[in-house]
PDB file of N, CA and C in Angstrom:
ATOM      1  N   UNK A   1      15.241 -23.562 -53.342  1.00  0.00           N
ATOM      2  CA  UNK A   1      15.424 -22.930 -52.056  1.00  0.00           C
ATOM      3  C   UNK A   1      14.203 -22.076 -51.682  1.00  0.00           C
ATOM      4  N   UNK A   2      13.648 -21.357 -52.640  1.00  0.00           N
ATOM      5  CA  UNK A   2      12.479 -20.517 -52.347  1.00  0.00           C
ATOM      6  C   UNK A   2      11.456 -20.618 -53.479  1.00  0.00           C
ATOM      7  N   UNK A   3      11.164 -21.863 -53.865  1.00  0.00           N
ATOM      8  CA  UNK A   3      10.257 -22.083 -54.997  1.00  0.00           C
ATOM      9  C   UNK A   3       9.045 -22.931 -54.634  1.00  0.00           C
ATOM     10  N   UNK A   4       8.746 -23.042 -53.355  1.00  0.00           N
ATOM     11  CA  UNK A   4       7.629 -23.886 -52.926  1.00  0.00           C
ATOM     12  C   UNK A   4       6.292 -23.158 -53.057  1.00  0.00           C
ATOM     13  N   UNK A   5       5.235 -23.922 -52.951  1.00  0.00           N
ATOM     14  CA  UNK A   5       3.882 -23.354 -52.952  1.00  0.00           C
ATOM     15  C   UNK A   5       3.755 -22.355 -51.802  1.00  0.00           C
ATOM     16  N   UNK A   6       4.289 -22.715 -50.654  1.00  0.00           N
ATOM     17  CA  UNK A   6       4.224 -21.825 -49.485  1.00  0.00           C
ATOM     18  C   UNK A   6       4.980 -20.520 -49.742  1.00  0.00           C
ATOM     19  N   UNK A   7       6.127 -20.624 -50.430  1.00  0.00           N
ATOM     20  CA  UNK A   7       6.893 -19.418 -50.767  1.00  0.00           C
ATOM     21  C   UNK A   7       6.094 -18.503 -51.693  1.00  0.00           C
ATOM     22  N   UNK A   8       5.423 -19.077 -52.673  1.00  0.00           N
ATOM     23  CA  UNK A   8       4.614 -18.283 -53.602  1.00  0.00           C
ATOM     24  C   UNK A   8       3.466 -17.596 -52.868  1.00  0.00           C
ATOM     25  N   UNK A   9       2.834 -18.319 -51.969  1.00  0.00           N
ATOM     26  CA  UNK A   9       1.724 -17.729 -51.192  1.00  0.00           C
ATOM     27  C   UNK A   9       2.242 -16.604 -50.289  1.00  0.00           C
ATOM     28  N   UNK A  10       3.409 -16.799 -49.670  1.00  0.00           N
ATOM     29  CA  UNK A  10       3.991 -15.745 -48.822  1.00  0.00           C
ATOM     30  C   UNK A  10       4.326 -14.506 -49.646  1.00  0.00           C
ATOM     31  N   UNK A  11       4.852 -14.723 -50.855  1.00  0.00           N
ATOM     32  CA  UNK A  11       5.173 -13.592 -51.718  1.00  0.00           C
ATOM     33  C   UNK A  11       3.913 -12.827 -52.097  1.00  0.00           C
ATOM     34  N   UNK A  12       2.869 -13.551 -52.472  1.00  0.00           N
ATOM     35  CA  UNK A  12       1.604 -12.894 -52.824  1.00  0.00           C
ATOM     36  C   UNK A  12       1.060 -12.093 -51.642  1.00  0.00           C
ATOM     37  N   UNK A  13       1.187 -12.642 -50.451  1.00  0.00           N
ATOM     38  CA  UNK A  13       0.711 -11.940 -49.252  1.00  0.00           C
ATOM     39  C   UNK A  13       1.574 -10.713 -48.969  1.00  0.00           C
ATOM     40  N   UNK A  14       2.881 -10.861 -49.116  1.00  0.00           N
ATOM     41  CA  UNK A  14       3.803  -9.751 -48.882  1.00  0.00           C
ATOM     42  C   UNK A  14       3.520  -8.587 -49.836  1.00  0.00           C
ATOM     43  N   UNK A  15       3.164  -8.910 -51.074  1.00  0.00           N
ATOM     44  CA  UNK A  15       2.921  -7.883 -52.088  1.00  0.00           C
ATOM     45  C   UNK A  15       1.485  -7.370 -52.113  1.00  0.00           C
ATOM     46  N   UNK A  16       0.675  -7.853 -51.193  1.00  0.00           N
ATOM     47  CA  UNK A  16      -0.746  -7.458 -51.175  1.00  0.00           C
ATOM     48  C   UNK A  16      -0.870  -5.937 -51.266  1.00  0.00           C
ATOM     49  N   UNK A  17      -1.733  -5.518 -52.157  1.00  0.00           N
ATOM     50  CA  UNK A  17      -2.028  -4.097 -52.381  1.00  0.00           C
ATOM     51  C   UNK A  17      -0.885  -3.324 -53.055  1.00  0.00           C
ATOM     52  N   UNK A  18       0.126  -4.022 -53.556  1.00  0.00           N
ATOM     53  CA  UNK A  18       1.203  -3.358 -54.293  1.00  0.00           C
ATOM     54  C   UNK A  18       1.071  -3.762 -55.760  1.00  0.00           C
ATOM     55  N   UNK A  19       0.879  -2.778 -56.618  1.00  0.00           N
ATOM     56  CA  UNK A  19       0.819  -3.069 -58.055  1.00  0.00           C
ATOM     57  C   UNK A  19       2.227  -3.347 -58.545  1.00  0.00           C
ATOM     58  N   UNK A  20       2.419  -4.519 -59.118  1.00  0.00           N
ATOM     59  CA  UNK A  20       3.751  -4.857 -59.596  1.00  0.00           C
ATOM     60  C   UNK A  20       3.694  -5.983 -60.622  1.00  0.00           C
ATOM     61  N   UNK A  21       4.795  -6.134 -61.297  1.00  0.00           N
ATOM     62  CA  UNK A  21       4.999  -7.237 -62.228  1.00  0.00           C
ATOM     63  C   UNK A  21       6.152  -8.055 -61.649  1.00  0.00           C
ATOM     64  N   UNK A  22       6.000  -9.378 -61.645  1.00  0.00           N
ATOM     65  CA  UNK A  22       7.004 -10.241 -61.035  1.00  0.00           C
ATOM     66  C   UNK A  22       7.714 -11.028 -62.130  1.00  0.00           C
ATOM     67  N   UNK A  23       9.028 -10.890 -62.166  1.00  0.00           N
ATOM     68  CA  UNK A  23       9.848 -11.669 -63.086  1.00  0.00           C
ATOM     69  C   UNK A  23      10.393 -12.872 -62.338  1.00  0.00           C
ATOM     70  N   UNK A  24      10.076 -14.049 -62.822  1.00  0.00           N
ATOM     71  CA  UNK A  24      10.580 -15.284 -62.229  1.00  0.00           C
ATOM     72  C   UNK A  24      11.785 -15.718 -63.042  1.00  0.00           C
ATOM     73  N   UNK A  25      12.938 -15.790 -62.397  1.00  0.00           N
ATOM     74  CA  UNK A  25      14.179 -16.125 -63.081  1.00  0.00           C
ATOM     75  C   UNK A  25      14.714 -17.423 -62.478  1.00  0.00           C
ATOM     76  N   UNK A  26      14.481 -18.543 -63.162  1.00  0.00           N
ATOM     77  CA  UNK A  26      14.983 -19.810 -62.646  1.00  0.00           C
ATOM     78  C   UNK A  26      16.515 -19.826 -62.610  1.00  0.00           C
ATOM     79  N   UNK A  27      17.048 -20.523 -61.625  1.00  0.00           N
ATOM     80  CA  UNK A  27      18.499 -20.624 -61.469  1.00  0.00           C
ATOM     81  C   UNK A  27      19.111 -21.298 -62.683  1.00  0.00           C
ATOM     82  N   UNK A  28      20.237 -20.777 -63.135  1.00  0.00           N
ATOM     83  CA  UNK A  28      20.988 -21.359 -64.242  1.00  0.00           C
ATOM     84  C   UNK A  28      22.195 -22.090 -63.657  1.00  0.00           C
ATOM     85  N   UNK A  29      22.169 -23.417 -63.678  1.00  0.00           N
ATOM     86  CA  UNK A  29      23.235 -24.177 -63.032  1.00  0.00           C
ATOM     87  C   UNK A  29      24.577 -24.065 -63.755  1.00  0.00           C
ATOM     88  N   UNK A  30      25.638 -24.268 -62.996  1.00  0.00           N
ATOM     89  CA  UNK A  30      26.989 -24.310 -63.535  1.00  0.00           C
ATOM     90  C   UNK A  30      27.784 -25.292 -62.679  1.00  0.00           C
ATOM     91  N   UNK A  31      28.860 -25.771 -63.192  1.00  0.00           N
ATOM     92  CA  UNK A  31      29.686 -26.743 -62.487  1.00  0.00           C
ATOM     93  C   UNK A  31      30.122 -26.188 -61.138  1.00  0.00           C
ATOM     94  N   UNK A  32      29.881 -26.961 -60.097  1.00  0.00           N
ATOM     95  CA  UNK A  32      30.266 -26.555 -58.755  1.00  0.00           C
ATOM     96  C   UNK A  32      29.203 -25.778 -58.003  1.00  0.00           C
ATOM     97  N   UNK A  33      28.080 -25.473 -58.645  1.00  0.00           N
ATOM     98  CA  UNK A  33      27.020 -24.722 -57.973  1.00  0.00           C
ATOM     99  C   UNK A  33      26.364 -25.590 -56.914  1.00  0.00           C
ATOM    100  N   UNK A  34      26.024 -24.984 -55.776  1.00  0.00           N
ATOM    101  CA  UNK A  34      25.365 -25.748 -54.727  1.00  0.00           C
ATOM    102  C   UNK A  34      23.851 -25.848 -54.946  1.00  0.00           C
ATOM    103  N   UNK A  35      23.314 -25.073 -55.871  1.00  0.00           N
ATOM    104  CA  UNK A  35      21.884 -25.088 -56.152  1.00  0.00           C
ATOM    105  C   UNK A  35      21.617 -25.753 -57.488  1.00  0.00           C
ATOM    106  N   UNK A  36      20.355 -26.136 -57.693  1.00  0.00           N
ATOM    107  CA  UNK A  36      19.921 -26.720 -58.956  1.00  0.00           C
ATOM    108  C   UNK A  36      18.699 -25.966 -59.446  1.00  0.00           C
ATOM    109  N   UNK A  37      18.495 -25.985 -60.747  1.00  0.00           N
ATOM    110  CA  UNK A  37      17.309 -25.374 -61.332  1.00  0.00           C
ATOM    111  C   UNK A  37      16.100 -26.226 -60.967  1.00  0.00           C
ATOM    112  N   UNK A  38      15.008 -25.605 -60.532  1.00  0.00           N
ATOM    113  CA  UNK A  38      13.811 -26.396 -60.226  1.00  0.00           C
ATOM    114  C   UNK A  38      13.195 -26.957 -61.508  1.00  0.00           C
ATOM    115  N   UNK A  39      12.485 -28.070 -61.388  1.00  0.00           N
ATOM    116  CA  UNK A  39      11.793 -28.612 -62.562  1.00  0.00           C
ATOM    117  C   UNK A  39      10.760 -27.603 -63.094  1.00  0.00           C
ATOM    118  N   UNK A  40      10.482 -27.672 -64.388  1.00  0.00           N
ATOM    119  CA  UNK A  40       9.558 -26.724 -65.022  1.00  0.00           C
ATOM    120  C   UNK A  40       8.184 -26.707 -64.356  1.00  0.00           C
ATOM    121  N   UNK A  41       7.703 -27.862 -63.897  1.00  0.00           N
ATOM    122  CA  UNK A  41       6.375 -27.883 -63.270  1.00  0.00           C
ATOM    123  C   UNK A  41       6.366 -27.103 -61.955  1.00  0.00           C
ATOM    124  N   UNK A  42       7.460 -27.088 -61.227  1.00  0.00           N
ATOM    125  CA  UNK A  42       7.546 -26.313 -59.983  1.00  0.00           C
ATOM    126  C   UNK A  42       7.511 -24.817 -60.305  1.00  0.00           C
ATOM    127  N   UNK A  43       8.235 -24.433 -61.337  1.00  0.00           N
ATOM    128  CA  UNK A  43       8.255 -23.025 -61.757  1.00  0.00           C
ATOM    129  C   UNK A  43       6.860 -22.593 -62.203  1.00  0.00           C
ATOM    130  N   UNK A  44       6.193 -23.426 -62.988  1.00  0.00           N
ATOM    131  CA  UNK A  44       4.843 -23.115 -63.471  1.00  0.00           C
ATOM    132  C   UNK A  44       3.838 -23.043 -62.323  1.00  0.00           C
ATOM    133  N   UNK A  45       3.965 -23.939 -61.358  1.00  0.00           N
ATOM    134  CA  UNK A  45       3.067 -23.907 -60.191  1.00  0.00           C
ATOM    135  C   UNK A  45       3.247 -22.611 -59.408  1.00  0.00           C
ATOM    136  N   UNK A  46       4.492 -22.183 -59.238  1.00  0.00           N
ATOM    137  CA  UNK A  46       4.794 -20.933 -58.541  1.00  0.00           C
ATOM    138  C   UNK A  46       4.142 -19.758 -59.279  1.00  0.00           C
ATOM    139  N   UNK A  47       4.315 -19.738 -60.596  1.00  0.00           N
ATOM    140  CA  UNK A  47       3.732 -18.680 -61.417  1.00  0.00           C
ATOM    141  C   UNK A  47       2.208 -18.673 -61.302  1.00  0.00           C
ATOM    142  N   UNK A  48       1.597 -19.846 -61.349  1.00  0.00           N
ATOM    143  CA  UNK A  48       0.133 -19.943 -61.296  1.00  0.00           C
ATOM    144  C   UNK A  48      -0.419 -19.371 -59.993  1.00  0.00           C
ATOM    145  N   UNK A  49       0.243 -19.647 -58.890  1.00  0.00           N
ATOM    146  CA  UNK A  49      -0.216 -19.118 -57.600  1.00  0.00           C
ATOM    147  C   UNK A  49      -0.199 -17.597 -57.628  1.00  0.00           C
ATOM    148  N   UNK A  50       0.859 -17.021 -58.172  1.00  0.00           N
ATOM    149  CA  UNK A  50       0.940 -15.561 -58.250  1.00  0.00           C
ATOM    150  C   UNK A  50      -0.120 -15.000 -59.193  1.00  0.00           C
ATOM    151  N   UNK A  51      -0.314 -15.659 -60.322  1.00  0.00           N
ATOM    152  CA  UNK A  51      -1.314 -15.192 -61.282  1.00  0.00           C
ATOM    153  C   UNK A  51      -2.727 -15.340 -60.714  1.00  0.00           C
ATOM    154  N   UNK A  52      -2.974 -16.407 -59.981  1.00  0.00           N
ATOM    155  CA  UNK A  52      -4.276 -16.592 -59.331  1.00  0.00           C
ATOM    156  C   UNK A  52      -4.524 -15.532 -58.262  1.00  0.00           C
ATOM    157  N   UNK A  53      -3.448 -14.900 -57.795  1.00  0.00           N
ATOM    158  CA  UNK A  53      -3.548 -13.811 -56.820  1.00  0.00           C
ATOM    159  C   UNK A  53      -3.569 -12.449 -57.517  1.00  0.00           C
ATOM    160  N   UNK A  54      -3.795 -12.478 -58.828  1.00  0.00           N
ATOM    161  CA  UNK A  54      -3.945 -11.266 -59.645  1.00  0.00           C
ATOM    162  C   UNK A  54      -2.654 -10.481 -59.863  1.00  0.00           C
ATOM    163  N   UNK A  55      -1.537 -11.182 -59.903  1.00  0.00           N
ATOM    164  CA  UNK A  55      -0.264 -10.552 -60.245  1.00  0.00           C
ATOM    165  C   UNK A  55       0.155 -10.987 -61.641  1.00  0.00           C
ATOM    166  N   UNK A  56       0.869 -10.105 -62.317  1.00  0.00           N
ATOM    167  CA  UNK A  56       1.502 -10.474 -63.577  1.00  0.00           C
ATOM    168  C   UNK A  56       2.817 -11.141 -63.187  1.00  0.00           C
ATOM    169  N   UNK A  57       2.984 -12.387 -63.576  1.00  0.00           N
ATOM    170  CA  UNK A  57       4.202 -13.137 -63.235  1.00  0.00           C
ATOM    171  C   UNK A  57       4.743 -13.764 -64.512  1.00  0.00           C
ATOM    172  N   UNK A  58       5.927 -13.358 -64.886  1.00  0.00           N
ATOM    173  CA  UNK A  58       6.527 -13.789 -66.146  1.00  0.00           C
ATOM    174  C   UNK A  58       7.741 -14.669 -65.852  1.00  0.00           C
ATOM    175  N   UNK A  59       7.755 -15.845 -66.455  1.00  0.00           N
ATOM    176  CA  UNK A  59       8.922 -16.715 -66.347  1.00  0.00           C
ATOM    177  C   UNK A  59       9.905 -16.263 -67.419  1.00  0.00           C
ATOM    178  N   UNK A  60      11.048 -15.792 -66.992  1.00  0.00           N
ATOM    179  CA  UNK A  60      12.047 -15.280 -67.928  1.00  0.00           C
ATOM    180  C   UNK A  60      12.717 -16.436 -68.660  1.00  0.00           C
ATOM    181  N   UNK A  61      12.802 -16.300 -69.954  1.00  0.00           N
ATOM    182  CA  UNK A  61      13.483 -17.307 -70.772  1.00  0.00           C
ATOM    183  C   UNK A  61      14.986 -17.150 -70.570  1.00  0.00           C
ATOM    184  N   UNK A  62      15.652 -18.255 -70.426  1.00  0.00           N
ATOM    185  CA  UNK A  62      17.095 -18.231 -70.217  1.00  0.00           C
ATOM    186  C   UNK A  62      17.806 -18.463 -71.548  1.00  0.00           C
ATOM    187  N   UNK A  63      18.778 -17.626 -71.805  1.00  0.00           N
ATOM    188  CA  UNK A  63      19.580 -17.763 -73.021  1.00  0.00           C
ATOM    189  C   UNK A  63      21.048 -17.795 -72.619  1.00  0.00           C
ATOM    190  N   UNK A  64      21.836 -18.517 -73.367  1.00  0.00           N
ATOM    191  CA  UNK A  64      23.264 -18.545 -73.130  1.00  0.00           C
ATOM    192  C   UNK A  64      23.740 -19.663 -72.229  1.00  0.00           C
ATOM    193  N   UNK A  65      22.843 -20.562 -71.829  1.00  0.00           N
ATOM    194  CA  UNK A  65      23.250 -21.655 -70.949  1.00  0.00           C
ATOM    195  C   UNK A  65      24.289 -22.549 -71.609  1.00  0.00           C
ATOM    196  N   UNK A  66      24.176 -22.719 -72.910  1.00  0.00           N
ATOM    197  CA  UNK A  66      25.088 -23.625 -73.617  1.00  0.00           C
ATOM    198  C   UNK A  66      26.541 -23.146 -73.579  1.00  0.00           C
ATOM    199  N   UNK A  67      26.748 -21.845 -73.336  1.00  0.00           N
ATOM    200  CA  UNK A  67      28.112 -21.329 -73.261  1.00  0.00           C
ATOM    201  C   UNK A  67      28.398 -20.739 -71.877  1.00  0.00           C
ATOM    202  N   UNK A  68      27.602 -21.150 -70.887  1.00  0.00           N
ATOM    203  CA  UNK A  68      27.742 -20.684 -69.505  1.00  0.00           C
ATOM    204  C   UNK A  68      27.699 -19.161 -69.387  1.00  0.00           C
ATOM    205  N   UNK A  69      26.819 -18.546 -70.171  1.00  0.00           N
ATOM    206  CA  UNK A  69      26.702 -17.094 -70.149  1.00  0.00           C
ATOM    207  C   UNK A  69      25.318 -16.632 -69.715  1.00  0.00           C
ATOM    208  N   UNK A  70      24.518 -17.532 -69.163  1.00  0.00           N
ATOM    209  CA  UNK A  70      23.192 -17.151 -68.687  1.00  0.00           C
ATOM    210  C   UNK A  70      23.324 -16.419 -67.352  1.00  0.00           C
ATOM    211  N   UNK A  71      22.251 -15.794 -66.922  1.00  0.00           N
ATOM    212  CA  UNK A  71      22.241 -15.032 -65.680  1.00  0.00           C
ATOM    213  C   UNK A  71      22.804 -15.866 -64.532  1.00  0.00           C
ATOM    214  N   UNK A  72      23.835 -15.361 -63.876  1.00  0.00           N
ATOM    215  CA  UNK A  72      24.458 -16.033 -62.750  1.00  0.00           C
ATOM    216  C   UNK A  72      25.609 -16.943 -63.119  1.00  0.00           C
ATOM    217  N   UNK A  73      25.655 -17.408 -64.347  1.00  0.00           N
ATOM    218  CA  UNK A  73      26.693 -18.356 -64.725  1.00  0.00           C
ATOM    219  C   UNK A  73      28.053 -17.691 -64.892  1.00  0.00           C
ATOM    220  N   UNK A  74      28.080 -16.487 -65.426  1.00  0.00           N
ATOM    221  CA  UNK A  74      29.369 -15.815 -65.596  1.00  0.00           C
ATOM    222  C   UNK A  74      30.010 -15.547 -64.239  1.00  0.00           C
ATOM    223  N   UNK A  75      29.216 -15.133 -63.289  1.00  0.00           N
ATOM    224  CA  UNK A  75      29.731 -14.885 -61.944  1.00  0.00           C
ATOM    225  C   UNK A  75      30.233 -16.188 -61.328  1.00  0.00           C
ATOM    226  N   UNK A  76      29.476 -17.274 -61.516  1.00  0.00           N
ATOM    227  CA  UNK A  76      29.887 -18.564 -60.988  1.00  0.00           C
ATOM    228  C   UNK A  76      31.188 -19.035 -61.610  1.00  0.00           C
ATOM    229  N   UNK A  77      31.345 -18.804 -62.889  1.00  0.00           N
ATOM    230  CA  UNK A  77      32.573 -19.194 -63.581  1.00  0.00           C
ATOM    231  C   UNK A  77      33.744 -18.384 -63.048  1.00  0.00           C
ATOM    232  N   UNK A  78      33.521 -17.106 -62.838  1.00  0.00           N
ATOM    233  CA  UNK A  78      34.577 -16.228 -62.336  1.00  0.00           C
ATOM    234  C   UNK A  78      35.009 -16.663 -60.936  1.00  0.00           C
ATOM    235  N   UNK A  79      34.058 -17.005 -60.078  1.00  0.00           N
ATOM    236  CA  UNK A  79      34.389 -17.395 -58.720  1.00  0.00           C
ATOM    237  C   UNK A  79      35.144 -18.697 -58.659  1.00  0.00           C
ATOM    238  N   UNK A  80      34.946 -19.575 -59.638  1.00  0.00           N
ATOM    239  CA  UNK A  80      35.630 -20.854 -59.610  1.00  0.00           C
ATOM    240  C   UNK A  80      37.066 -20.770 -60.113  1.00  0.00           C
ATOM    241  N   UNK A  81      37.467 -19.595 -60.617  1.00  0.00           N
ATOM    242  CA  UNK A  81      38.829 -19.384 -61.103  1.00  0.00           C
ATOM    243  C   UNK A  81      39.430 -18.195 -60.368  1.00  0.00           C
ATOM    244  N   UNK A  82      39.936 -18.406 -59.139  1.00  0.00           N
ATOM    245  CA  UNK A  82      40.492 -17.258 -58.376  1.00  0.00           C
ATOM    246  C   UNK A  82      41.711 -16.670 -59.069  1.00  0.00           C
ATOM    247  N   UNK A  83      41.925 -15.403 -58.816  1.00  0.00           N
ATOM    248  CA  UNK A  83      43.062 -14.688 -59.421  1.00  0.00           C
ATOM    249  C   UNK A  83      44.361 -15.069 -58.756  1.00  0.00           C
TER     250      UNK A  83
END
């Protein structure tokens, strides 16, 4: 949704002159999610654009996907089981 080359360039421009570190957190899919995780090369390309613009950009490692406990997955699981 917001992982294109153009998105990375817009982010770098938006952050111009702001010292910051950028954490890139790829989407963690779950059953019924309308979004998908981007391919690794898309994530790396996004990171490279930010790094080429002199930002620290870290791709966060995802843990817990195997038990649907990664970032965003617990919320997605909860929403799919209404009270």
